[in-house]
Amino acid sequence: MSQENVEIVRRLYADFGLSPRRVEAAARVGLIAPDVAFDYSALYPDGPVIRGVEAWLDYADSLPWGGSLKLAPERYVDVDDDRVLVFVHASAEGEGSGVPVERRSASELTVRDGAIVRVKLYLDPTAALEAAGLSA
């Protein structure tokens, strides 16, 4: 089953990505659960956990990168029966400034019954590996 989850996550990134309107489209086809949790606790100090696609869309609209965020997956790691780590190259432009920003980060996606139910974002890919109980 875990290899199936890796393929589900690959499909998410290949067909939809994690930009706001594309998440909405992925939810419409059942690839993302409507009550998905987006967990920012490892990304920002006091980072929130946003529950539900609609709540996440509202949150994402408030972020300074606007609609310019692009996530290019570089590696997928099968963690266990439910979780997949994705290492990404993230790029965006400041909404007002146009200043480009790039960095490598990671996300841990939890899959149940063929749909993503949780996305936990990590600023540091090594921290993502450690949190998943894997070594760098």
Protein backbone atom coordinates (compact mmCIF):
# COMPACT_ATOMS: atom_id res chain seq x y z
CA MET A 1 0.00 0.00 0.00
CA SER A 2 2.82 2.49 0.73
CA GLN A 3 4.03 2.45 -2.89
CA GLU A 4 0.45 3.27 -3.88
CA ASN A 5 0.62 6.27 -1.55
CA VAL A 6 3.85 7.43 -3.17
CA GLU A 7 2.07 7.29 -6.53
CA ILE A 8 -0.89 9.27 -5.14
CA VAL A 9 1.50 11.96 -3.88
CA ARG A 10 3.38 11.97 -7.21
CA ARG A 11 0.06 12.46 -8.99
CA LEU A 12 -0.81 15.35 -6.69
CA TYR A 13 2.42 17.17 -7.55
CA ALA A 14 2.38 16.24 -11.24
CA ASP A 15 -1.27 17.04 -11.93
CA PHE A 16 -2.08 19.68 -9.34
CA GLY A 17 0.80 20.86 -7.13
CA LEU A 18 0.02 22.56 -3.84
CA SER A 19 -0.81 26.06 -5.01
CA PRO A 20 -4.14 27.37 -3.69
CA ARG A 21 -6.48 26.98 -6.64
CA ARG A 22 -4.88 23.71 -7.65
CA VAL A 23 -5.46 22.28 -4.16
CA GLU A 24 -9.11 23.15 -4.63
CA ALA A 25 -9.13 21.21 -7.93
CA ALA A 26 -7.37 18.22 -6.34
CA ALA A 27 -10.01 18.18 -3.59
CA ARG A 28 -12.80 18.21 -6.20
CA VAL A 29 -11.47 14.96 -7.70
CA GLY A 30 -10.96 13.35 -4.26
CA LEU A 31 -7.16 13.43 -4.22
CA ILE A 32 -7.22 15.71 -1.17
CA ALA A 33 -9.74 15.10 1.62
CA PRO A 34 -12.10 18.04 2.22
CA ASP A 35 -11.08 18.07 5.90
CA VAL A 36 -7.32 17.91 5.17
CA ALA A 37 -5.03 19.38 7.81
CA PHE A 38 -2.20 21.70 6.71
CA ASP A 39 0.28 21.73 9.59
CA TYR A 40 2.68 24.70 9.69
CA SER A 41 3.93 23.99 13.23
CA ALA A 42 7.40 22.94 12.03
CA LEU A 43 7.62 25.76 9.51
CA TYR A 44 6.88 28.91 11.51
CA PRO A 45 7.12 29.79 15.20
CA ASP A 46 3.60 29.20 16.54
CA GLY A 47 2.67 27.90 13.09
CA PRO A 48 -0.99 27.05 12.79
CA VAL A 49 -2.72 23.84 11.80
CA ILE A 50 -5.32 24.76 9.20
CA ARG A 51 -8.18 22.28 8.82
CA GLY A 52 -10.19 21.99 5.64
CA VAL A 53 -9.61 23.07 2.06
CA GLU A 54 -11.73 26.22 2.35
CA ALA A 55 -9.96 27.38 5.52
CA TRP A 56 -6.59 26.72 3.89
CA LEU A 57 -7.57 28.72 0.80
CA ASP A 58 -8.42 31.68 3.06
CA TYR A 59 -5.10 31.29 4.88
CA ALA A 60 -3.08 30.92 1.66
CA ASP A 61 -4.66 34.09 0.23
CA SER A 62 -3.17 36.02 3.16
CA LEU A 63 0.43 34.91 2.55
CA PRO A 64 2.92 37.35 0.98
CA TRP A 65 3.95 35.07 -1.89
CA GLY A 66 0.52 35.42 -3.45
CA GLY A 67 -0.09 33.06 -6.33
CA SER A 68 3.54 32.82 -7.41
CA LEU A 69 4.56 29.79 -5.32
CA LYS A 70 5.96 26.91 -7.37
CA LEU A 71 6.95 23.58 -5.84
CA ALA A 72 9.18 21.27 -7.86
CA PRO A 73 9.43 17.84 -6.23
CA GLU A 74 12.96 16.47 -6.19
CA ARG A 75 12.58 13.25 -4.19
CA TYR A 76 9.85 11.09 -2.70
CA VAL A 77 10.50 8.93 0.37
CA ASP A 78 8.13 6.16 1.42
CA VAL A 79 8.05 6.50 5.23
CA ASP A 80 5.44 3.93 6.26
CA ASP A 81 1.98 2.67 5.34
CA ASP A 82 0.47 6.17 5.55
CA ARG A 83 3.22 8.76 5.14
CA VAL A 84 5.31 10.02 2.24
CA LEU A 85 8.02 12.68 2.47
CA VAL A 86 8.47 14.98 -0.49
CA PHE A 87 11.61 17.07 -0.85
CA VAL A 88 10.89 20.14 -2.96
CA HIS A 89 12.57 23.11 -4.52
CA ALA A 90 10.26 26.00 -3.67
CA SER A 91 10.32 29.30 -5.52
CA ALA A 92 8.14 32.39 -5.29
CA GLU A 93 8.17 36.14 -5.74
CA GLY A 94 7.27 38.72 -3.13
CA GLU A 95 3.79 39.95 -3.98
CA GLY A 96 4.63 43.64 -3.72
CA SER A 97 8.38 43.60 -4.28
CA GLY A 98 8.71 40.97 -6.99
CA VAL A 99 11.86 39.76 -5.21
CA PRO A 100 12.49 36.10 -6.04
CA VAL A 101 12.93 33.64 -3.19
CA GLU A 102 14.11 30.04 -3.51
CA ARG A 103 14.75 27.31 -0.99
CA ARG A 104 14.64 23.59 -0.51
CA SER A 105 12.10 22.27 1.97
CA ALA A 106 10.09 19.15 2.67
CA SER A 107 6.52 18.09 3.28
CA GLU A 108 5.19 15.01 5.00
CA LEU A 109 1.92 13.90 3.44
CA THR A 110 -0.39 11.39 5.10
CA VAL A 111 -2.61 9.34 2.81
CA ARG A 112 -5.71 7.41 3.86
CA ASP A 113 -8.17 5.66 1.57
CA GLY A 114 -6.52 7.18 -1.50
CA ALA A 115 -6.71 10.83 -0.36
CA ILE A 116 -4.24 13.18 1.30
CA VAL A 117 -5.54 13.88 4.82
CA ARG A 118 -2.57 15.78 6.27
CA VAL A 119 0.28 17.91 4.95
CA LYS A 120 3.00 18.89 7.41
CA LEU A 121 5.50 21.39 6.09
CA TYR A 122 9.15 21.58 7.13
CA LEU A 123 11.61 24.36 6.43
CA ASP A 124 14.52 21.99 6.95
CA PRO A 125 14.53 18.70 4.97
CA THR A 126 16.82 17.09 7.57
CA ALA A 127 14.30 17.91 10.30
CA ALA A 128 11.59 16.23 8.18
CA LEU A 129 13.67 13.07 7.94
CA GLU A 130 14.35 13.07 11.67
CA ALA A 131 10.67 13.66 12.52
CA ALA A 132 9.76 10.69 10.32
CA GLY A 133 12.28 8.53 12.18
CA LEU A 134 14.66 8.32 9.24
CA SER A 135 18.30 9.32 8.99
CA ALA A 136 19.70 11.94 6.65
